[in-house]
């Protein structure tokens, strides 16, 4: 969760930094949607595994196929989650840069004689 909104709190627009923030924010949103879709798919494939006819063993071809699909769906979900985590980390770094720039500007304004 972001507590600093550089688009609101940064004061003057900072060109490339604002563009980078917006692009990264959009990427986080898109990856969040991808994770939700992948999670739903993994949940559905797990339900298919659990509803496969008995016995639930490698000798049951239906079970084996459904289990492999679920494993693939689960790996797709984990990959999307890793990408989302990386994008969130990048977004935090960009927001942190904005906050530091704002702090530096505030400190510079305090040093100026009135």
N, C-alpha and C. Protein backbone atom coordinates (compact mmCIF):
# COMPACT_ATOMS: atom_id res chain seq x y z
N UNK A 1 0.85 -1.17 0.00
CA UNK A 1 0.00 0.00 0.00
C UNK A 1 0.90 1.24 0.00
N UNK A 2 0.55 2.21 -0.81
CA UNK A 2 1.34 3.44 -0.90
C UNK A 2 0.74 4.49 0.03
N UNK A 3 1.62 5.13 0.83
CA UNK A 3 1.16 6.20 1.71
C UNK A 3 1.54 7.56 1.15
N UNK A 4 2.36 7.57 0.14
CA UNK A 4 2.84 8.81 -0.46
C UNK A 4 2.36 8.85 -1.90
N UNK A 5 1.65 9.87 -2.25
CA UNK A 5 1.15 10.02 -3.61
C UNK A 5 1.98 11.09 -4.31
N UNK A 6 2.97 10.69 -5.10
CA UNK A 6 3.83 11.69 -5.73
C UNK A 6 3.09 12.58 -6.70
N UNK A 7 2.00 12.12 -7.25
CA UNK A 7 1.25 12.96 -8.19
C UNK A 7 0.59 14.11 -7.45
N UNK A 8 0.25 13.91 -6.18
CA UNK A 8 -0.39 14.94 -5.39
C UNK A 8 0.62 15.70 -4.54
N UNK A 9 1.59 14.96 -3.96
CA UNK A 9 2.46 15.53 -2.95
C UNK A 9 3.77 16.10 -3.48
N UNK A 10 4.10 15.87 -4.71
CA UNK A 10 5.42 16.26 -5.21
C UNK A 10 5.54 17.76 -5.50
N UNK A 11 4.46 18.47 -5.50
CA UNK A 11 4.54 19.89 -5.83
C UNK A 11 4.62 20.07 -7.33
N UNK A 12 5.79 20.44 -7.83
CA UNK A 12 5.97 20.66 -9.25
C UNK A 12 6.10 19.33 -9.99
N UNK A 13 5.57 19.26 -11.19
CA UNK A 13 5.73 18.04 -11.97
C UNK A 13 7.21 17.77 -12.22
N UNK A 14 7.59 16.49 -12.18
CA UNK A 14 8.99 16.14 -12.35
C UNK A 14 9.21 15.31 -13.60
N UNK A 15 8.45 15.56 -14.63
CA UNK A 15 8.64 14.99 -15.95
C UNK A 15 8.79 13.48 -16.01
N UNK A 16 10.02 13.03 -16.25
CA UNK A 16 10.28 11.60 -16.43
C UNK A 16 9.91 10.79 -15.19
N UNK A 17 10.14 11.35 -14.01
CA UNK A 17 9.79 10.63 -12.79
C UNK A 17 8.28 10.39 -12.69
N UNK A 18 7.50 11.38 -13.04
CA UNK A 18 6.03 11.21 -13.02
C UNK A 18 5.62 10.16 -14.04
N UNK A 19 6.22 10.22 -15.23
CA UNK A 19 5.91 9.23 -16.27
C UNK A 19 6.26 7.83 -15.79
N UNK A 20 7.47 7.68 -15.21
CA UNK A 20 7.89 6.37 -14.69
C UNK A 20 6.94 5.87 -13.60
N UNK A 21 6.52 6.78 -12.72
CA UNK A 21 5.59 6.41 -11.65
C UNK A 21 4.27 5.93 -12.25
N UNK A 22 3.73 6.68 -13.18
CA UNK A 22 2.45 6.32 -13.79
C UNK A 22 2.53 4.98 -14.52
N UNK A 23 3.61 4.78 -15.26
CA UNK A 23 3.78 3.51 -15.99
C UNK A 23 3.92 2.34 -15.02
N UNK A 24 4.69 2.52 -13.96
CA UNK A 24 4.88 1.46 -12.99
C UNK A 24 3.59 1.19 -12.22
N UNK A 25 2.86 2.25 -11.89
CA UNK A 25 1.58 2.08 -11.20
C UNK A 25 0.62 1.28 -12.09
N UNK A 26 0.57 1.61 -13.37
CA UNK A 26 -0.30 0.87 -14.31
C UNK A 26 0.14 -0.58 -14.40
N UNK A 27 1.45 -0.82 -14.38
CA UNK A 27 1.95 -2.19 -14.42
C UNK A 27 1.53 -2.96 -13.17
N UNK A 28 1.61 -2.31 -12.00
CA UNK A 28 1.18 -2.96 -10.75
C UNK A 28 -0.30 -3.32 -10.84
N UNK A 29 -1.10 -2.42 -11.34
CA UNK A 29 -2.55 -2.69 -11.47
C UNK A 29 -2.80 -3.86 -12.41
N UNK A 30 -2.12 -3.87 -13.55
CA UNK A 30 -2.30 -4.95 -14.53
C UNK A 30 -1.83 -6.28 -13.96
N UNK A 31 -0.69 -6.27 -13.27
CA UNK A 31 -0.19 -7.51 -12.69
C UNK A 31 -1.08 -8.00 -11.56
N UNK A 32 -1.67 -7.08 -10.82
CA UNK A 32 -2.63 -7.48 -9.77
C UNK A 32 -3.82 -8.20 -10.38
N UNK A 33 -4.31 -7.70 -11.50
CA UNK A 33 -5.42 -8.36 -12.20
C UNK A 33 -4.99 -9.73 -12.72
N UNK A 34 -3.75 -9.81 -13.22
CA UNK A 34 -3.24 -11.09 -13.71
C UNK A 34 -3.14 -12.11 -12.57
N UNK A 35 -2.70 -11.67 -11.41
CA UNK A 35 -2.61 -12.57 -10.25
C UNK A 35 -4.01 -13.07 -9.86
N UNK A 36 -4.97 -12.17 -9.84
CA UNK A 36 -6.34 -12.59 -9.48
C UNK A 36 -6.89 -13.60 -10.47
N UNK A 37 -6.65 -13.38 -11.78
CA UNK A 37 -7.10 -14.34 -12.79
C UNK A 37 -6.40 -15.69 -12.63
N UNK A 38 -5.08 -15.64 -12.40
CA UNK A 38 -4.31 -16.88 -12.23
C UNK A 38 -4.74 -17.63 -10.98
N UNK A 39 -5.06 -16.90 -9.92
CA UNK A 39 -5.51 -17.54 -8.68
C UNK A 39 -6.86 -18.23 -8.91
N UNK A 40 -7.75 -17.55 -9.63
CA UNK A 40 -9.06 -18.18 -9.92
C UNK A 40 -8.86 -19.45 -10.75
N UNK A 41 -7.96 -19.38 -11.74
CA UNK A 41 -7.69 -20.54 -12.59
C UNK A 41 -7.10 -21.69 -11.77
N UNK A 42 -6.17 -21.38 -10.87
CA UNK A 42 -5.57 -22.41 -10.02
C UNK A 42 -6.62 -23.01 -9.08
N UNK A 43 -7.50 -22.18 -8.57
CA UNK A 43 -8.58 -22.69 -7.71
C UNK A 43 -9.50 -23.64 -8.48
N UNK A 44 -9.84 -23.25 -9.72
CA UNK A 44 -10.70 -24.11 -10.54
C UNK A 44 -10.02 -25.43 -10.87
N UNK A 45 -8.74 -25.37 -11.21
CA UNK A 45 -8.05 -26.62 -11.55
C UNK A 45 -7.88 -27.51 -10.32
N UNK A 46 -7.73 -26.91 -9.14
CA UNK A 46 -7.67 -27.72 -7.91
C UNK A 46 -9.02 -28.40 -7.66
N UNK A 47 -10.10 -27.70 -7.92
CA UNK A 47 -11.43 -28.32 -7.77
C UNK A 47 -11.58 -29.49 -8.73
N UNK A 48 -11.07 -29.34 -9.96
CA UNK A 48 -11.13 -30.46 -10.91
C UNK A 48 -10.30 -31.65 -10.42
N UNK A 49 -9.13 -31.36 -9.84
CA UNK A 49 -8.30 -32.43 -9.29
C UNK A 49 -9.07 -33.15 -8.19
N UNK A 50 -9.65 -32.39 -7.30
CA UNK A 50 -10.36 -32.99 -6.16
C UNK A 50 -11.61 -33.74 -6.59
N UNK A 51 -12.20 -33.36 -7.71
CA UNK A 51 -13.42 -34.04 -8.16
C UNK A 51 -13.13 -35.15 -9.16
N UNK A 52 -11.86 -35.40 -9.45
CA UNK A 52 -11.51 -36.50 -10.36
C UNK A 52 -11.94 -37.82 -9.72
N UNK A 53 -12.30 -38.78 -10.56
CA UNK A 53 -12.72 -40.08 -10.00
C UNK A 53 -11.59 -40.74 -9.21
N UNK A 54 -11.98 -41.49 -8.20
CA UNK A 54 -11.02 -42.25 -7.38
C UNK A 54 -10.40 -43.34 -8.22
N UNK A 55 -9.26 -43.86 -7.93
CA UNK A 55 -8.36 -43.44 -6.85
C UNK A 55 -7.53 -42.24 -7.28
N UNK A 56 -7.17 -41.43 -6.31
CA UNK A 56 -6.32 -40.26 -6.58
C UNK A 56 -4.87 -40.71 -6.51
N UNK A 57 -4.41 -41.28 -7.59
CA UNK A 57 -3.03 -41.75 -7.67
C UNK A 57 -2.53 -41.57 -9.10
N UNK A 58 -1.24 -41.77 -9.28
CA UNK A 58 -0.63 -41.58 -10.60
C UNK A 58 -1.17 -42.58 -11.62
N UNK A 59 -1.72 -43.71 -11.15
CA UNK A 59 -2.27 -44.71 -12.06
C UNK A 59 -3.59 -44.30 -12.69
N UNK A 60 -4.24 -43.32 -12.13
CA UNK A 60 -5.51 -42.82 -12.65
C UNK A 60 -5.19 -41.72 -13.66
N UNK A 61 -5.40 -41.99 -14.93
CA UNK A 61 -5.03 -41.05 -15.99
C UNK A 61 -5.76 -39.71 -15.87
N UNK A 62 -7.04 -39.73 -15.54
CA UNK A 62 -7.81 -38.48 -15.41
C UNK A 62 -7.22 -37.64 -14.28
N UNK A 63 -6.98 -38.28 -13.15
CA UNK A 63 -6.41 -37.57 -12.00
C UNK A 63 -5.03 -37.00 -12.35
N UNK A 64 -4.19 -37.81 -13.00
CA UNK A 64 -2.84 -37.38 -13.34
C UNK A 64 -2.85 -36.16 -14.27
N UNK A 65 -3.73 -36.17 -15.26
CA UNK A 65 -3.84 -35.04 -16.19
C UNK A 65 -4.30 -33.78 -15.45
N UNK A 66 -5.33 -33.92 -14.63
CA UNK A 66 -5.85 -32.76 -13.88
C UNK A 66 -4.81 -32.23 -12.90
N UNK A 67 -4.06 -33.13 -12.28
CA UNK A 67 -3.03 -32.71 -11.34
C UNK A 67 -1.93 -31.93 -12.07
N UNK A 68 -1.52 -32.38 -13.23
CA UNK A 68 -0.51 -31.65 -14.01
C UNK A 68 -1.02 -30.28 -14.44
N UNK A 69 -2.29 -30.20 -14.83
CA UNK A 69 -2.87 -28.89 -15.19
C UNK A 69 -2.84 -27.96 -13.99
N UNK A 70 -3.21 -28.51 -12.83
CA UNK A 70 -3.21 -27.68 -11.62
C UNK A 70 -1.80 -27.20 -11.30
N UNK A 71 -0.82 -28.07 -11.41
CA UNK A 71 0.57 -27.66 -11.14
C UNK A 71 1.00 -26.54 -12.08
N UNK A 72 0.63 -26.66 -13.34
CA UNK A 72 0.97 -25.61 -14.31
C UNK A 72 0.24 -24.31 -13.97
N UNK A 73 -1.04 -24.41 -13.60
CA UNK A 73 -1.80 -23.21 -13.22
C UNK A 73 -1.20 -22.56 -11.99
N UNK A 74 -0.80 -23.40 -11.04
CA UNK A 74 -0.22 -22.88 -9.80
C UNK A 74 1.11 -22.18 -10.09
N UNK A 75 1.92 -22.75 -10.96
CA UNK A 75 3.20 -22.10 -11.31
C UNK A 75 2.96 -20.79 -12.04
N UNK A 76 1.95 -20.74 -12.90
CA UNK A 76 1.59 -19.49 -13.57
C UNK A 76 1.21 -18.43 -12.54
N UNK A 77 0.44 -18.84 -11.54
CA UNK A 77 0.04 -17.91 -10.49
C UNK A 77 1.26 -17.41 -9.71
N UNK A 78 2.16 -18.32 -9.34
CA UNK A 78 3.35 -17.91 -8.59
C UNK A 78 4.24 -16.98 -9.40
N UNK A 79 4.37 -17.23 -10.68
CA UNK A 79 5.17 -16.35 -11.54
C UNK A 79 4.54 -14.96 -11.60
N UNK A 80 3.22 -14.90 -11.72
CA UNK A 80 2.54 -13.60 -11.73
C UNK A 80 2.73 -12.88 -10.39
N UNK A 81 2.70 -13.63 -9.31
CA UNK A 81 2.91 -13.04 -7.99
C UNK A 81 4.32 -12.50 -7.84
N UNK A 82 5.32 -13.21 -8.36
CA UNK A 82 6.70 -12.72 -8.30
C UNK A 82 6.84 -11.42 -9.10
N UNK A 83 6.23 -11.37 -10.28
CA UNK A 83 6.29 -10.15 -11.09
C UNK A 83 5.59 -8.99 -10.39
N UNK A 84 4.46 -9.27 -9.76
CA UNK A 84 3.73 -8.23 -9.02
C UNK A 84 4.58 -7.71 -7.87
N UNK A 85 5.21 -8.60 -7.13
CA UNK A 85 6.07 -8.16 -6.03
C UNK A 85 7.20 -7.27 -6.53
N UNK A 86 7.82 -7.64 -7.64
CA UNK A 86 8.91 -6.84 -8.21
C UNK A 86 8.40 -5.46 -8.65
N UNK A 87 7.23 -5.42 -9.27
CA UNK A 87 6.67 -4.14 -9.71
C UNK A 87 6.30 -3.26 -8.52
N UNK A 88 5.77 -3.86 -7.47
CA UNK A 88 5.44 -3.09 -6.26
C UNK A 88 6.71 -2.52 -5.63
N UNK A 89 7.76 -3.31 -5.62
CA UNK A 89 9.03 -2.84 -5.07
C UNK A 89 9.55 -1.66 -5.90
N UNK A 90 9.45 -1.75 -7.20
CA UNK A 90 9.88 -0.65 -8.07
C UNK A 90 9.04 0.60 -7.82
N UNK A 91 7.74 0.42 -7.63
CA UNK A 91 6.86 1.55 -7.37
C UNK A 91 7.21 2.22 -6.04
N UNK A 92 7.50 1.40 -5.02
CA UNK A 92 7.91 1.96 -3.72
C UNK A 92 9.21 2.77 -3.86
N UNK A 93 10.13 2.26 -4.66
CA UNK A 93 11.41 2.96 -4.85
C UNK A 93 11.18 4.31 -5.53
N UNK A 94 10.32 4.34 -6.53
CA UNK A 94 10.03 5.61 -7.22
C UNK A 94 9.37 6.59 -6.26
N UNK A 95 8.40 6.11 -5.48
CA UNK A 95 7.71 6.98 -4.52
C UNK A 95 8.69 7.48 -3.46
N UNK A 96 9.61 6.62 -3.06
CA UNK A 96 10.62 7.01 -2.09
C UNK A 96 11.51 8.12 -2.64
N UNK A 97 11.87 8.02 -3.92
CA UNK A 97 12.66 9.08 -4.56
C UNK A 97 11.91 10.40 -4.54
N UNK A 98 10.61 10.34 -4.81
CA UNK A 98 9.80 11.57 -4.78
C UNK A 98 9.81 12.16 -3.37
N UNK A 99 9.64 11.32 -2.36
CA UNK A 99 9.60 11.80 -0.98
C UNK A 99 10.93 12.43 -0.59
N UNK A 100 12.04 11.81 -0.99
CA UNK A 100 13.36 12.38 -0.67
C UNK A 100 13.55 13.72 -1.38
N UNK A 101 13.11 13.79 -2.63
CA UNK A 101 13.22 15.07 -3.37
C UNK A 101 12.40 16.15 -2.68
N UNK A 102 11.22 15.78 -2.21
CA UNK A 102 10.36 16.75 -1.53
C UNK A 102 10.99 17.19 -0.21
N UNK A 103 11.59 16.25 0.52
CA UNK A 103 12.27 16.60 1.76
C UNK A 103 13.45 17.54 1.51
N UNK A 104 14.21 17.27 0.45
CA UNK A 104 15.34 18.13 0.12
C UNK A 104 14.86 19.54 -0.23
N UNK A 105 13.77 19.62 -0.99
CA UNK A 105 13.24 20.93 -1.37
C UNK A 105 12.74 21.68 -0.14
N UNK A 106 12.09 20.97 0.77
CA UNK A 106 11.60 21.61 2.00
C UNK A 106 12.77 22.10 2.85
N UNK A 107 13.81 21.30 2.94
CA UNK A 107 15.00 21.71 3.72
C UNK A 107 15.67 22.92 3.07
N UNK A 108 15.74 22.96 1.77
CA UNK A 108 16.35 24.10 1.08
C UNK A 108 15.54 25.36 1.32
N UNK A 109 14.22 25.25 1.35
CA UNK A 109 13.37 26.41 1.60
C UNK A 109 13.53 26.93 3.03
N UNK A 110 13.82 26.04 3.97
CA UNK A 110 14.01 26.46 5.35
C UNK A 110 15.33 27.23 5.52
N UNK A 111 16.33 26.91 4.70
CA UNK A 111 17.64 27.56 4.81
C UNK A 111 17.66 28.95 4.18
N UNK A 112 16.70 29.24 3.33
CA UNK A 112 16.70 30.54 2.66
C UNK A 112 16.24 31.63 3.63
N UNK A 113 16.94 32.76 3.61
CA UNK A 113 16.51 33.88 4.47
C UNK A 113 15.17 34.46 3.97
N UNK A 114 14.39 34.87 4.90
CA UNK A 114 13.06 35.42 4.56
C UNK A 114 13.14 36.84 4.10
